Amino acid sequence: MNDIDESYMREALRIAEYARGRTAPNPLVGAVIVRDGTIIASGWHRAAGEPHAEIHALRMAGELARGATLYVTLEPCAHHGRTGPCAEAVIAAGIKRVVVALCDPNPLVAGRGLVLLKEAGIEVVTGVCEAEARRQNEVFLKWITQKRPFVTLKTAMTLDGKIASHTGASQWITGEAARARVHMYRDEYDAILVGIGTVLADDPSLTARLPDGTGHSPLRIVLDSEGRTPLDAKLVTDCAAPTLIVVSERADQRRVRLLHACGVETLTLGAERVDIAALLDYLGAREITSLFVEGGGTVNWSFLAGGYVDKVHAFIAPMLMGGASAKTPVGGTGFDSPQTALHLHDVSVEQMGADILVTGYPCAAE
């Protein structure tokens, strides 16, 4: 690995980002082809079922690909899926050297692509910008190895940790910049989840509303153990995105049938309360690779206590709400001590207008 390889790989990582939120259940992949020190072609995977990044780049390069170097952020596939094997196309194009950021953990690939390339006499280099590629494809890596969606928990709170006043008023704690970022996140995820408390209190739309109107609104999921979602809730009536209402066995079946008759999906999981583990398994099997949780304290605690959260986005507004009864972003019984609490690592802090965005990844307490 050298600085030149890293430079070209970072360009491949950069263009892979063009398709963020559009490739599920496939990964983000970027590729560039370099000949005589110049990038002659590039490509990125745009959506499942469409050509992979390598194919786009090879088509652009044409005969110039022969003898060139291919930089690709994920190991070329070696199996027939929605598209043909990329490794075979790379070999047929006469590529001389392939530089790969990350080996594909997909059991259908898992090193087979690299073996094919090497057996064809192509020089193969791996691990260039691997950490960056792993972070870029954190969603895909979680889903392909565990068959559950990557779960991100989002909260928005005051400086003293309140998500609403003692009267229940919560609009708006954060400013326009923070709210715009949330819509960008929604656009990138396959599904968004709230609890019935949020539906009853705020009647949200849970859509991705981007300034240019190109937002992709994810599947909307409501945890509603008793089946209390109003038939006139926006999630039920607006037809802006598909909605899945998950109930427990103790829900009023008449209400569940009425909700289903209104055009929303219903799913029963769990005896007394919705079984979140079973829900994550169901979503993973449905090729929902990423889940954005925007719940209240009860839902957030359920996900945190169960160890289901992979990433946290915490927006913090510079205001003090006060109120002993004012709600906080995480309810439940809570952890017993600072030592046993759920800590975050790889933390980043970003200014969002007047607000602060803290992002981190949960890790087990030492």
Protein backbone atom coordinates (compact mmCIF):
# COMPACT_ATOMS: atom_id res chain seq x y z
CA MET A 1 0.00 0.00 0.00
CA ASN A 2 1.26 3.49 -0.82
CA ASP A 3 0.06 7.07 -0.85
CA ILE A 4 -0.87 6.84 -4.53
CA ASP A 5 -3.08 3.80 -3.94
CA GLU A 6 -4.75 5.54 -0.98
CA SER A 7 -5.41 8.64 -3.09
CA TYR A 8 -7.18 6.70 -5.85
CA MET A 9 -9.08 4.58 -3.32
CA ARG A 10 -10.37 7.68 -1.56
CA GLU A 11 -11.73 8.85 -4.90
CA ALA A 12 -13.53 5.52 -5.26
CA LEU A 13 -14.92 5.90 -1.73
CA ARG A 14 -16.04 9.44 -2.56
CA ILE A 15 -18.04 8.49 -5.62
CA ALA A 16 -19.59 5.49 -3.85
CA GLU A 17 -21.36 8.02 -1.61
CA TYR A 18 -23.43 9.27 -4.55
CA ALA A 19 -25.79 6.33 -4.05
CA ARG A 20 -26.15 6.46 -0.26
CA GLY A 21 -29.62 5.30 0.73
CA ARG A 22 -30.38 3.85 -2.70
CA THR A 23 -28.54 0.51 -2.95
CA ALA A 24 -30.18 -1.66 -0.25
CA PRO A 25 -29.82 -4.53 0.24
CA ASN A 26 -26.57 -4.11 -1.65
CA PRO A 27 -23.51 -2.22 -0.40
CA LEU A 28 -22.17 1.14 -1.48
CA VAL A 29 -19.36 0.54 -3.98
CA GLY A 30 -17.19 2.87 -5.99
CA ALA A 31 -14.55 2.05 -8.62
CA VAL A 32 -11.95 3.95 -10.61
CA ILE A 33 -9.65 2.72 -13.38
CA VAL A 34 -6.19 4.25 -13.62
CA ARG A 35 -3.82 4.09 -16.57
CA ASP A 36 -0.43 5.80 -16.74
CA GLY A 37 -1.18 7.81 -13.60
CA THR A 38 -4.52 9.14 -14.85
CA ILE A 39 -8.08 8.18 -13.94
CA ILE A 40 -9.63 7.10 -17.23
CA ALA A 41 -12.96 5.80 -15.93
CA SER A 42 -15.08 5.63 -12.82
CA GLY A 43 -18.37 4.15 -11.67
CA TRP A 44 -20.52 3.50 -8.68
CA HIS A 45 -23.28 1.05 -7.87
CA ARG A 46 -26.58 2.88 -8.13
CA ALA A 47 -29.26 0.41 -7.00
CA ALA A 48 -29.89 -3.29 -6.45
CA GLY A 49 -30.36 -5.03 -9.77
CA GLU A 50 -28.34 -2.43 -11.68
CA PRO A 51 -24.73 -2.93 -12.84
CA HIS A 52 -22.07 -2.92 -10.16
CA ALA A 53 -19.48 -0.16 -9.87
CA GLU A 54 -16.78 -2.16 -11.69
CA ILE A 55 -19.05 -2.74 -14.68
CA HIS A 56 -19.84 0.97 -15.03
CA ALA A 57 -16.12 1.77 -14.91
CA LEU A 58 -15.13 -0.99 -17.35
CA ARG A 59 -17.76 0.12 -19.85
CA MET A 60 -16.48 3.68 -19.66
CA ALA A 61 -12.85 2.60 -20.09
CA GLY A 62 -13.47 0.24 -22.99
CA GLU A 63 -10.23 -1.06 -24.54
CA LEU A 64 -8.20 1.33 -22.38
CA ALA A 65 -8.91 -0.97 -19.42
CA ARG A 66 -6.44 -3.53 -20.79
CA GLY A 67 -3.27 -3.30 -18.71
CA ALA A 68 -4.76 -0.70 -16.32
CA THR A 69 -5.30 -0.73 -12.54
CA LEU A 70 -8.76 -1.03 -11.01
CA TYR A 71 -9.44 0.49 -7.58
CA VAL A 72 -12.65 -0.78 -5.99
CA THR A 73 -14.00 -0.24 -2.48
CA LEU A 74 -15.37 -3.79 -2.10
CA GLU A 75 -14.16 -7.14 -3.41
CA PRO A 76 -15.55 -7.87 -6.88
CA CYS A 77 -18.32 -10.47 -6.70
CA ALA A 78 -17.84 -13.97 -8.07
CA HIS A 79 -21.42 -15.23 -8.14
CA HIS A 80 -24.54 -14.84 -10.24
CA GLY A 81 -27.06 -12.75 -8.32
CA ARG A 82 -29.23 -9.98 -9.73
CA THR A 83 -26.26 -9.32 -12.03
CA GLY A 84 -23.34 -11.37 -13.36
CA PRO A 85 -19.97 -11.92 -11.63
CA CYS A 86 -17.82 -8.78 -11.67
CA ALA A 87 -14.58 -10.73 -11.19
CA GLU A 88 -15.10 -12.45 -14.55
CA ALA A 89 -15.75 -9.10 -16.24
CA VAL A 90 -12.56 -7.66 -14.74
CA ILE A 91 -10.55 -10.60 -16.05
CA ALA A 92 -12.13 -10.38 -19.52
CA ALA A 93 -11.34 -6.66 -19.70
CA GLY A 94 -7.62 -7.33 -19.29
CA ILE A 95 -7.13 -5.41 -16.05
CA LYS A 96 -3.55 -5.94 -14.85
CA ARG A 97 -3.82 -4.92 -11.18
CA VAL A 98 -6.75 -4.72 -8.75
CA VAL A 99 -6.64 -2.75 -5.49
CA VAL A 100 -9.44 -3.56 -3.03
CA ALA A 101 -10.37 -1.71 0.16
CA LEU A 102 -12.52 -4.36 1.83
CA CYS A 103 -13.11 -8.07 1.36
CA ASP A 104 -16.80 -8.89 0.98
CA PRO A 105 -18.19 -10.85 3.99
CA ASN A 106 -21.13 -12.03 1.90
CA PRO A 107 -20.91 -15.86 2.07
CA LEU A 108 -21.54 -15.93 -1.69
CA VAL A 109 -18.32 -13.95 -2.23
CA ALA A 110 -16.07 -14.15 0.87
CA GLY A 111 -12.74 -14.13 -0.95
CA ARG A 112 -13.83 -16.03 -4.06
CA GLY A 113 -13.59 -12.90 -6.19
CA LEU A 114 -10.00 -12.33 -5.11
CA VAL A 115 -9.11 -15.97 -5.80
CA LEU A 116 -10.49 -15.76 -9.33
CA LEU A 117 -8.48 -12.61 -10.02
CA LYS A 118 -5.26 -14.10 -8.69
CA GLU A 119 -5.75 -17.35 -10.62
CA ALA A 120 -6.08 -15.23 -13.77
CA GLY A 121 -2.64 -13.74 -13.10
CA ILE A 122 -3.92 -10.35 -11.89
CA GLU A 123 -1.95 -8.65 -9.13
CA VAL A 124 -4.28 -8.10 -6.15
CA VAL A 125 -3.74 -5.67 -3.28
CA THR A 126 -6.19 -5.58 -0.36
CA GLY A 127 -6.78 -3.46 2.73
CA VAL A 128 -6.20 -0.02 1.20
CA CYS A 129 -8.37 2.44 3.19
CA GLU A 130 -10.06 -0.55 4.80
CA ALA A 131 -11.19 1.34 7.92
CA GLU A 132 -12.89 4.01 5.82
CA ALA A 133 -14.56 1.40 3.61
CA ARG A 134 -15.78 -0.53 6.66
CA ARG A 135 -17.34 2.62 8.11
CA GLN A 136 -18.91 3.55 4.78
CA ASN A 137 -20.60 0.18 4.55
CA GLU A 138 -21.46 -0.28 8.22
CA VAL A 139 -25.10 -0.86 7.28
CA PHE A 140 -24.39 -3.57 4.72
CA LEU A 141 -21.80 -5.29 6.92
CA LYS A 142 -24.25 -5.56 9.82
CA TRP A 143 -27.08 -6.88 7.66
CA ILE A 144 -25.07 -9.36 5.58
CA THR A 145 -23.39 -10.93 8.63
CA GLN A 146 -26.26 -10.86 11.16
CA LYS A 147 -29.35 -10.62 8.94
CA ARG A 148 -30.67 -7.75 11.04
CA PRO A 149 -30.87 -4.07 10.14
CA PHE A 150 -28.26 -1.58 11.32
CA VAL A 151 -30.06 0.41 14.03
CA THR A 152 -29.44 4.12 14.59
CA LEU A 153 -31.10 5.88 17.52
CA LYS A 154 -31.78 9.59 17.13
CA THR A 155 -32.63 11.91 20.00
CA ALA A 156 -33.18 15.66 20.26
CA MET A 157 -32.97 17.19 23.72
CA THR A 158 -32.32 20.34 25.67
CA LEU A 159 -29.07 21.00 27.49
CA ASP A 160 -30.63 19.61 30.65
CA GLY A 161 -31.74 16.44 28.88
CA LYS A 162 -35.44 17.06 28.19
CA ILE A 163 -37.27 16.03 25.02
CA ALA A 164 -40.42 17.96 25.96
CA SER A 165 -41.68 20.34 28.64
CA HIS A 166 -43.71 19.16 31.63
CA THR A 167 -46.82 19.97 29.56
CA GLY A 168 -45.64 17.71 26.73
CA ALA A 169 -44.72 20.54 24.32
CA SER A 170 -41.76 19.56 22.14
CA GLN A 171 -41.98 21.59 18.91
CA TRP A 172 -39.40 22.77 18.38
CA ILE A 173 -36.47 21.98 20.65
CA THR A 174 -33.86 21.95 17.89
CA GLY A 175 -33.47 24.49 15.12
CA GLU A 176 -33.94 24.33 11.37
CA ALA A 177 -30.43 23.07 10.60
CA ALA A 178 -30.80 20.10 12.95
CA ARG A 179 -34.27 19.26 11.64
CA ALA A 180 -32.98 19.42 8.05
CA ARG A 181 -30.23 16.96 8.96
CA VAL A 182 -32.81 14.56 10.37
CA HIS A 183 -34.64 14.60 7.05
CA MET A 184 -31.35 13.79 5.31
CA TYR A 185 -30.89 10.82 7.63
CA ARG A 186 -34.43 9.60 6.98
CA ASP A 187 -33.72 9.73 3.26
CA GLU A 188 -30.77 7.35 3.76
CA TYR A 189 -32.55 4.67 5.81
CA ASP A 190 -34.78 1.80 4.75
CA ALA A 191 -37.18 2.19 7.67
CA ILE A 192 -37.99 4.62 10.47
CA LEU A 193 -39.53 3.58 13.79
CA VAL A 194 -41.50 5.31 16.55
CA GLY A 195 -43.70 4.20 19.42
CA ILE A 196 -47.43 4.71 19.80
CA GLY A 197 -46.75 7.50 22.32
CA THR A 198 -45.11 9.60 19.61
CA VAL A 199 -48.00 8.95 17.21
CA LEU A 200 -50.61 9.97 19.81
CA ALA A 201 -48.68 13.05 20.96
CA ASP A 202 -47.38 14.44 17.65
CA ASP A 203 -49.24 12.73 14.78
CA PRO A 204 -46.00 12.73 12.74
CA SER A 205 -45.62 12.11 9.01
CA LEU A 206 -42.16 10.53 9.33
CA THR A 207 -41.29 11.34 5.74
CA ALA A 208 -38.04 12.63 4.26
CA ARG A 209 -38.70 16.17 3.16
CA LEU A 210 -35.62 17.45 1.32
CA PRO A 211 -35.35 20.96 -0.16
CA ASP A 212 -35.11 19.68 -3.73
CA GLY A 213 -38.08 17.36 -3.31
CA THR A 214 -36.08 14.22 -4.16
CA GLY A 215 -36.36 12.58 -0.76
CA HIS A 216 -36.94 8.85 -0.46
CA SER A 217 -39.43 8.24 2.34
CA PRO A 218 -38.65 5.00 4.20
CA LEU A 219 -41.03 2.37 5.52
CA ARG A 220 -42.72 3.79 8.64
CA ILE A 221 -42.97 1.44 11.61
CA VAL A 222 -45.05 1.98 14.75
CA LEU A 223 -44.60 -0.09 17.91
CA ASP A 224 -48.19 -0.29 19.13
CA SER A 225 -48.68 -3.23 21.49
CA GLU A 226 -52.38 -2.51 22.12
CA GLY A 227 -53.33 -1.41 18.60
CA ARG A 228 -54.17 2.17 19.60
CA THR A 229 -53.04 3.93 16.40
CA PRO A 230 -55.86 6.32 15.38
CA LEU A 231 -57.50 5.50 12.06
CA ASP A 232 -57.12 9.16 11.05
CA ALA A 233 -53.39 9.39 11.93
CA LYS A 234 -51.22 10.80 9.13
CA LEU A 235 -49.25 7.56 9.04
CA VAL A 236 -52.49 5.77 8.16
CA THR A 237 -54.14 8.25 5.80
CA ASP A 238 -51.50 10.29 3.95
CA CYS A 239 -50.25 7.57 1.54
CA ALA A 240 -46.87 9.33 1.61
CA ALA A 241 -44.97 6.13 2.43
CA PRO A 242 -45.80 2.55 3.42
CA THR A 243 -46.64 2.00 7.10
CA LEU A 244 -46.21 -1.10 9.26
CA ILE A 245 -47.98 -1.19 12.63
CA VAL A 246 -46.58 -3.87 14.94
CA VAL A 247 -48.86 -5.07 17.72
CA SER A 248 -48.76 -7.74 20.42
CA GLU A 249 -51.16 -10.62 20.91
CA ARG A 250 -53.18 -8.61 23.43
CA ALA A 251 -54.12 -5.96 20.87
CA ASP A 252 -57.80 -5.55 20.02
CA GLN A 253 -58.09 -7.62 16.83
CA ARG A 254 -61.05 -5.59 15.63
CA ARG A 255 -58.85 -2.48 15.73
CA VAL A 256 -56.07 -4.34 13.95
CA ARG A 257 -58.45 -5.38 11.17
CA LEU A 258 -59.67 -1.79 10.80
CA LEU A 259 -56.11 -0.52 10.50
CA HIS A 260 -55.36 -3.16 7.90
CA ALA A 261 -58.51 -2.18 6.02
CA CYS A 262 -57.20 1.40 5.90
CA GLY A 263 -54.27 0.20 3.82
CA VAL A 264 -51.45 -0.18 6.36
CA GLU A 265 -49.58 -3.38 7.08
CA THR A 266 -50.07 -5.01 10.47
CA LEU A 267 -47.84 -7.53 12.18
CA THR A 268 -48.28 -9.37 15.49
CA LEU A 269 -45.10 -10.14 17.44
CA GLY A 270 -44.96 -10.87 21.16
CA ALA A 271 -47.49 -11.82 23.84
CA GLU A 272 -47.77 -8.73 26.05
CA ARG A 273 -45.41 -6.31 24.32
CA VAL A 274 -43.92 -6.19 20.84
CA ASP A 275 -40.91 -8.50 20.65
CA ILE A 276 -38.17 -6.22 19.28
CA ALA A 277 -35.70 -9.03 18.63
CA ALA A 278 -38.30 -10.84 16.54
CA LEU A 279 -39.10 -7.59 14.73
CA LEU A 280 -35.43 -7.07 13.82
CA ASP A 281 -35.25 -10.64 12.51
CA TYR A 282 -38.40 -10.04 10.47
CA LEU A 283 -37.06 -6.79 9.00
CA GLY A 284 -33.72 -8.36 8.17
CA ALA A 285 -35.43 -11.20 6.33
CA ARG A 286 -37.42 -8.58 4.44
CA GLU A 287 -34.15 -6.98 3.28
CA ILE A 288 -34.63 -3.90 5.46
CA THR A 289 -30.94 -3.21 6.07
CA SER A 290 -31.17 -0.02 8.13
CA LEU A 291 -33.56 1.25 10.81
CA PHE A 292 -33.78 4.82 12.12
CA VAL A 293 -35.32 4.93 15.60
CA GLU A 294 -36.96 8.23 16.55
CA GLY A 295 -38.87 7.04 19.58
CA GLY A 296 -39.56 8.50 22.98
CA GLY A 297 -38.00 7.41 26.23
CA THR A 298 -39.79 4.06 26.46
CA VAL A 299 -38.92 2.90 22.94
CA ASN A 300 -35.36 4.19 23.21
CA TRP A 301 -34.78 2.33 26.48
CA SER A 302 -36.16 -0.88 24.99
CA PHE A 303 -33.66 -0.71 22.15
CA LEU A 304 -30.73 0.30 24.36
CA ALA A 305 -31.46 -2.20 27.10
CA GLY A 306 -31.72 -4.98 24.55
CA GLY A 307 -28.36 -4.08 22.99
CA TYR A 308 -29.97 -3.44 19.62
CA VAL A 309 -28.52 0.02 18.92
CA ASP A 310 -25.51 0.28 16.59
CA LYS A 311 -25.19 4.07 16.39
CA VAL A 312 -26.47 7.16 18.19
CA HIS A 313 -27.20 10.66 16.87
CA ALA A 314 -27.92 13.02 19.79
CA PHE A 315 -28.94 16.59 18.95
CA ILE A 316 -28.54 18.96 21.89
CA ALA A 317 -30.16 22.40 21.92
CA PRO A 318 -28.72 25.26 24.01
CA MET A 319 -31.81 25.70 26.18
CA LEU A 320 -32.80 24.71 29.69
CA MET A 321 -36.29 23.26 30.06
CA GLY A 322 -36.40 22.10 33.67
CA GLY A 323 -39.23 20.18 35.25
CA ALA A 324 -38.88 17.04 37.31
CA SER A 325 -41.69 15.41 35.33
CA ALA A 326 -40.47 16.58 31.91
CA LYS A 327 -39.60 13.60 29.71
CA THR A 328 -36.05 12.55 28.95
CA PRO A 329 -34.76 10.74 25.84
CA VAL A 330 -34.22 7.42 27.65
CA GLY A 331 -36.78 6.11 30.13
CA GLY A 332 -37.19 2.68 31.64
CA THR A 333 -35.32 1.54 34.72
CA GLY A 334 -32.00 2.79 33.40
CA PHE A 335 -28.56 1.39 34.12
CA ASP A 336 -27.43 0.93 37.71
CA SER A 337 -24.31 3.09 37.67
CA PRO A 338 -21.95 5.12 35.44
CA GLN A 339 -19.77 2.04 35.29
CA THR A 340 -22.53 -0.18 33.88
CA ALA A 341 -24.05 2.50 31.65
CA LEU A 342 -23.81 2.21 27.89
CA HIS A 343 -20.82 4.24 26.72
CA LEU A 344 -20.12 5.59 23.24
CA HIS A 345 -16.85 5.39 21.32
CA ASP A 346 -15.64 6.90 18.03
CA VAL A 347 -17.50 10.04 19.10
CA SER A 348 -17.74 13.06 16.82
CA VAL A 349 -19.22 16.47 17.59
CA GLU A 350 -20.67 18.81 15.00
CA GLN A 351 -22.23 22.27 15.17
CA MET A 352 -25.70 22.40 13.60
CA GLY A 353 -26.80 26.03 13.65
CA ALA A 354 -27.14 26.82 17.35
CA ASP A 355 -27.39 23.11 18.21
CA ILE A 356 -24.79 20.42 18.74
CA LEU A 357 -24.85 16.96 17.15
CA VAL A 358 -23.04 14.20 19.02
CA THR A 359 -22.58 10.95 17.10
CA GLY A 360 -21.11 7.77 18.54
CA TYR A 361 -21.20 3.99 18.60
CA PRO A 362 -22.30 2.08 21.70
CA CYS A 363 -19.80 -0.22 23.32
CA ALA A 364 -20.01 -2.48 26.37
CA ALA A 365 -19.00 -0.91 29.67
CA GLU A 366 -15.66 -2.08 30.99
